Amino acid sequence: MIESAEEFVYLRNSEVIEEYGRAANEEASLDTWQEVILRYPEMKKWVAHNKTVPLEILSILAADSDRDVRWVVATKRKLSKELQLQLAKDCDAGVRNRIAYNAKAYKEPLELLANDNFEPTKKKAIERLGSGEYG
């Protein structure tokens, strides 16, 4: 388990593959994730990349001002329907597009994206709705 914000940053920046892998795969407490976000904002997208990061943290990151952070959040399969809907309304077309391609996208966000003004997103959402390929 990752015990502190400093440990996460150290692991993420490590050139040792085992250490680097821990940053992507190990759990941390809510307090630790919140501390990373607060003290090391440049690490937000790497927090989102972590396979164990809880929905509470993804919810914070889904509202981040950095589109790259929101884009990574939009790729997560464990997103709630509410978070998917939030990101399906994002101002950035790339973030919305990631929801259309999210393997676990729910029907409601895809219905919203079927009217998107970014043609690739609209096309993918309509395709998935037509095939019944949604969560």
C-alpha atoms as a PDB file:
ATOM      1  CA  MET A   1       0.000   0.000   0.000  1.00  0.00           C
ATOM      2  CA  ILE A   2       1.190   3.496  -0.838  1.00  0.00           C
ATOM      3  CA  GLU A   3       1.468   5.299   2.492  1.00  0.00           C
ATOM      4  CA  SER A   4       2.076   8.934   1.538  1.00  0.00           C
ATOM      5  CA  ALA A   5       1.953  11.507  -1.243  1.00  0.00           C
ATOM      6  CA  GLU A   6       5.742  11.590  -1.269  1.00  0.00           C
ATOM      7  CA  GLU A   7       5.912   7.832  -1.725  1.00  0.00           C
ATOM      8  CA  PHE A   8       3.502   7.989  -4.679  1.00  0.00           C
ATOM      9  CA  VAL A   9       5.567  10.731  -6.367  1.00  0.00           C
ATOM     10  CA  TYR A  10       8.777   8.792  -5.729  1.00  0.00           C
ATOM     11  CA  LEU A  11       7.278   5.589  -7.175  1.00  0.00           C
ATOM     12  CA  ARG A  12       5.795   7.368 -10.198  1.00  0.00           C
ATOM     13  CA  ASN A  13       9.125   9.006 -11.021  1.00  0.00           C
ATOM     14  CA  SER A  14      11.201   5.891 -10.393  1.00  0.00           C
ATOM     15  CA  GLU A  15      13.109   4.255 -13.223  1.00  0.00           C
ATOM     16  CA  VAL A  16      12.864   0.913 -11.426  1.00  0.00           C
ATOM     17  CA  ILE A  17      10.037  -0.946 -13.165  1.00  0.00           C
ATOM     18  CA  GLU A  18       8.780  -2.603  -9.961  1.00  0.00           C
ATOM     19  CA  GLU A  19       8.533   0.745  -8.198  1.00  0.00           C
ATOM     20  CA  TYR A  20       6.944   2.465 -11.187  1.00  0.00           C
ATOM     21  CA  GLY A  21       4.421  -0.372 -11.384  1.00  0.00           C
ATOM     22  CA  ARG A  22       3.447   0.132  -7.758  1.00  0.00           C
ATOM     23  CA  ALA A  23       2.369   3.708  -8.558  1.00  0.00           C
ATOM     24  CA  ALA A  24      -0.004   2.342 -11.201  1.00  0.00           C
ATOM     25  CA  ASN A  25      -1.348  -0.651  -9.296  1.00  0.00           C
ATOM     26  CA  GLU A  26      -1.241  -0.205  -5.529  1.00  0.00           C
ATOM     27  CA  GLU A  27      -3.929   1.209  -3.306  1.00  0.00           C
ATOM     28  CA  ALA A  28      -3.620   4.298  -1.158  1.00  0.00           C
ATOM     29  CA  SER A  29      -5.966   5.831   1.382  1.00  0.00           C
ATOM     30  CA  LEU A  30      -8.381   8.609   0.407  1.00  0.00           C
ATOM     31  CA  ASP A  31      -6.268  10.976   2.492  1.00  0.00           C
ATOM     32  CA  THR A  32      -3.135  10.023   0.574  1.00  0.00           C
ATOM     33  CA  TRP A  33      -4.787  10.522  -2.826  1.00  0.00           C
ATOM     34  CA  GLN A  34      -6.194  13.885  -1.688  1.00  0.00           C
ATOM     35  CA  GLU A  35      -2.752  14.923  -0.471  1.00  0.00           C
ATOM     36  CA  VAL A  36      -1.183  14.035  -3.832  1.00  0.00           C
ATOM     37  CA  ILE A  37      -3.817  16.100  -5.639  1.00  0.00           C
ATOM     38  CA  LEU A  38      -3.339  19.065  -3.318  1.00  0.00           C
ATOM     39  CA  ARG A  39       0.455  19.076  -2.999  1.00  0.00           C
ATOM     40  CA  TYR A  40       1.490  17.653  -6.377  1.00  0.00           C
ATOM     41  CA  PRO A  41      -1.029  18.865  -8.986  1.00  0.00           C
ATOM     42  CA  GLU A  42       1.279  17.742 -11.801  1.00  0.00           C
ATOM     43  CA  MET A  43       0.617  14.156 -10.626  1.00  0.00           C
ATOM     44  CA  LYS A  44      -3.193  14.292 -10.986  1.00  0.00           C
ATOM     45  CA  LYS A  45      -3.315  12.392 -14.263  1.00  0.00           C
ATOM     46  CA  TRP A  46      -1.073   9.702 -12.769  1.00  0.00           C
ATOM     47  CA  VAL A  47      -3.434   9.403  -9.818  1.00  0.00           C
ATOM     48  CA  ALA A  48      -6.244   8.863 -12.333  1.00  0.00           C
ATOM     49  CA  HIS A  49      -4.149   6.203 -14.093  1.00  0.00           C
ATOM     50  CA  ASN A  50      -3.885   4.158 -10.889  1.00  0.00           C
ATOM     51  CA  LYS A  51      -5.949   0.972 -11.253  1.00  0.00           C
ATOM     52  CA  THR A  52      -7.233   1.104  -7.667  1.00  0.00           C
ATOM     53  CA  VAL A  53      -8.086   4.798  -7.360  1.00  0.00           C
ATOM     54  CA  PRO A  54     -11.539   5.113  -5.751  1.00  0.00           C
ATOM     55  CA  LEU A  55     -14.564   6.781  -7.322  1.00  0.00           C
ATOM     56  CA  GLU A  56     -14.411   9.567  -4.724  1.00  0.00           C
ATOM     57  CA  ILE A  57     -11.062  10.643  -6.154  1.00  0.00           C
ATOM     58  CA  LEU A  58     -12.151  10.147  -9.770  1.00  0.00           C
ATOM     59  CA  SER A  59     -15.100  12.419  -9.007  1.00  0.00           C
ATOM     60  CA  ILE A  60     -12.714  15.181  -7.915  1.00  0.00           C
ATOM     61  CA  LEU A  61     -10.494  14.659 -10.944  1.00  0.00           C
ATOM     62  CA  ALA A  62     -13.462  14.603 -13.362  1.00  0.00           C
ATOM     63  CA  ALA A  63     -13.979  18.284 -12.539  1.00  0.00           C
ATOM     64  CA  ASP A  64     -10.316  19.251 -12.892  1.00  0.00           C
ATOM     65  CA  SER A  65      -9.402  22.256 -15.026  1.00  0.00           C
ATOM     66  CA  ASP A  66      -6.801  20.192 -16.936  1.00  0.00           C
ATOM     67  CA  ARG A  67      -8.389  18.439 -19.914  1.00  0.00           C
ATOM     68  CA  ASP A  68      -5.654  15.766 -19.839  1.00  0.00           C
ATOM     69  CA  VAL A  69      -6.708  14.785 -16.317  1.00  0.00           C
ATOM     70  CA  ARG A  70     -10.380  14.616 -17.317  1.00  0.00           C
ATOM     71  CA  TRP A  71      -9.432  12.603 -20.427  1.00  0.00           C
ATOM     72  CA  VAL A  72      -7.693   9.958 -18.311  1.00  0.00           C
ATOM     73  CA  VAL A  73     -10.694   9.833 -15.961  1.00  0.00           C
ATOM     74  CA  ALA A  74     -12.992   9.316 -18.960  1.00  0.00           C
ATOM     75  CA  THR A  75     -11.049   6.166 -19.891  1.00  0.00           C
ATOM     76  CA  LYS A  76     -11.773   4.471 -16.565  1.00  0.00           C
ATOM     77  CA  ARG A  77     -14.131   1.507 -16.762  1.00  0.00           C
ATOM     78  CA  LYS A  78     -15.347   1.851 -13.184  1.00  0.00           C
ATOM     79  CA  LEU A  79     -16.965   5.258 -13.630  1.00  0.00           C
ATOM     80  CA  SER A  80     -20.459   5.678 -12.280  1.00  0.00           C
ATOM     81  CA  LYS A  81     -23.250   6.648 -14.656  1.00  0.00           C
ATOM     82  CA  GLU A  82     -23.266  10.108 -13.058  1.00  0.00           C
ATOM     83  CA  LEU A  83     -19.563  10.651 -13.759  1.00  0.00           C
ATOM     84  CA  GLN A  84     -19.979   9.410 -17.316  1.00  0.00           C
ATOM     85  CA  LEU A  85     -22.858  11.856 -17.832  1.00  0.00           C
ATOM     86  CA  GLN A  86     -20.757  14.675 -16.398  1.00  0.00           C
ATOM     87  CA  LEU A  87     -17.865  13.872 -18.743  1.00  0.00           C
ATOM     88  CA  ALA A  88     -20.233  13.369 -21.699  1.00  0.00           C
ATOM     89  CA  LYS A  89     -21.091  17.073 -21.252  1.00  0.00           C
ATOM     90  CA  ASP A  90     -17.440  18.158 -21.004  1.00  0.00           C
ATOM     91  CA  CYS A  91     -16.368  21.242 -22.954  1.00  0.00           C
ATOM     92  CA  ASP A  92     -13.521  19.254 -24.553  1.00  0.00           C
ATOM     93  CA  ALA A  93     -14.428  17.049 -27.531  1.00  0.00           C
ATOM     94  CA  GLY A  94     -11.624  14.608 -26.727  1.00  0.00           C
ATOM     95  CA  VAL A  95     -12.977  13.976 -23.236  1.00  0.00           C
ATOM     96  CA  ARG A  96     -16.481  13.405 -24.587  1.00  0.00           C
ATOM     97  CA  ASN A  97     -15.049  11.083 -27.235  1.00  0.00           C
ATOM     98  CA  ARG A  98     -13.366   8.956 -24.556  1.00  0.00           C
ATOM     99  CA  ILE A  99     -16.766   8.355 -22.970  1.00  0.00           C
ATOM    100  CA  ALA A 100     -18.151   7.222 -26.342  1.00  0.00           C
ATOM    101  CA  TYR A 101     -15.286   4.708 -26.540  1.00  0.00           C
ATOM    102  CA  ASN A 102     -15.350   3.708 -22.861  1.00  0.00           C
ATOM    103  CA  ALA A 103     -15.944  -0.069 -22.807  1.00  0.00           C
ATOM    104  CA  LYS A 104     -18.336   0.300 -19.862  1.00  0.00           C
ATOM    105  CA  ALA A 105     -20.262   3.356 -21.058  1.00  0.00           C
ATOM    106  CA  TYR A 106     -23.873   3.359 -19.951  1.00  0.00           C
ATOM    107  CA  LYS A 107     -26.779   3.882 -22.316  1.00  0.00           C
ATOM    108  CA  GLU A 108     -27.699   7.373 -21.034  1.00  0.00           C
ATOM    109  CA  PRO A 109     -24.288   8.994 -21.691  1.00  0.00           C
ATOM    110  CA  LEU A 110     -24.214   7.355 -25.135  1.00  0.00           C
ATOM    111  CA  GLU A 111     -27.692   8.742 -25.871  1.00  0.00           C
ATOM    112  CA  LEU A 112     -26.435  12.191 -24.956  1.00  0.00           C
ATOM    113  CA  LEU A 113     -23.343  11.754 -27.136  1.00  0.00           C
ATOM    114  CA  ALA A 114     -25.451  10.571 -30.089  1.00  0.00           C
ATOM    115  CA  ASN A 115     -26.252  14.281 -30.544  1.00  0.00           C
ATOM    116  CA  ASP A 116     -22.682  15.518 -30.040  1.00  0.00           C
ATOM    117  CA  ASN A 117     -21.364  18.215 -32.374  1.00  0.00           C
ATOM    118  CA  PHE A 118     -18.040  16.329 -32.760  1.00  0.00           C
ATOM    119  CA  GLU A 119     -18.802  13.896 -35.576  1.00  0.00           C
ATOM    120  CA  PRO A 120     -16.479  11.023 -34.484  1.00  0.00           C
ATOM    121  CA  THR A 121     -18.068  11.021 -31.015  1.00  0.00           C
ATOM    122  CA  LYS A 122     -21.570  11.156 -32.429  1.00  0.00           C
ATOM    123  CA  LYS A 123     -20.820   8.322 -34.866  1.00  0.00           C
ATOM    124  CA  LYS A 124     -19.341   6.047 -32.194  1.00  0.00           C
ATOM    125  CA  ALA A 125     -22.204   6.684 -29.767  1.00  0.00           C
ATOM    126  CA  ILE A 126     -24.824   5.911 -32.420  1.00  0.00           C
ATOM    127  CA  GLU A 127     -22.910   2.776 -33.434  1.00  0.00           C
ATOM    128  CA  ARG A 128     -22.760   1.518 -29.851  1.00  0.00           C
ATOM    129  CA  LEU A 129     -26.409   2.272 -29.181  1.00  0.00           C
ATOM    130  CA  GLY A 130     -27.404   0.447 -32.355  1.00  0.00           C
ATOM    131  CA  SER A 131     -25.372  -2.629 -31.454  1.00  0.00           C
ATOM    132  CA  GLY A 132     -26.501  -2.692 -27.814  1.00  0.00           C
ATOM    133  CA  GLU A 133     -22.837  -2.450 -26.794  1.00  0.00           C
ATOM    134  CA  TYR A 134     -23.084  -0.550 -23.527  1.00  0.00           C
ATOM    135  CA  GLY A 135     -22.950  -1.129 -19.783  1.00  0.00           C
END
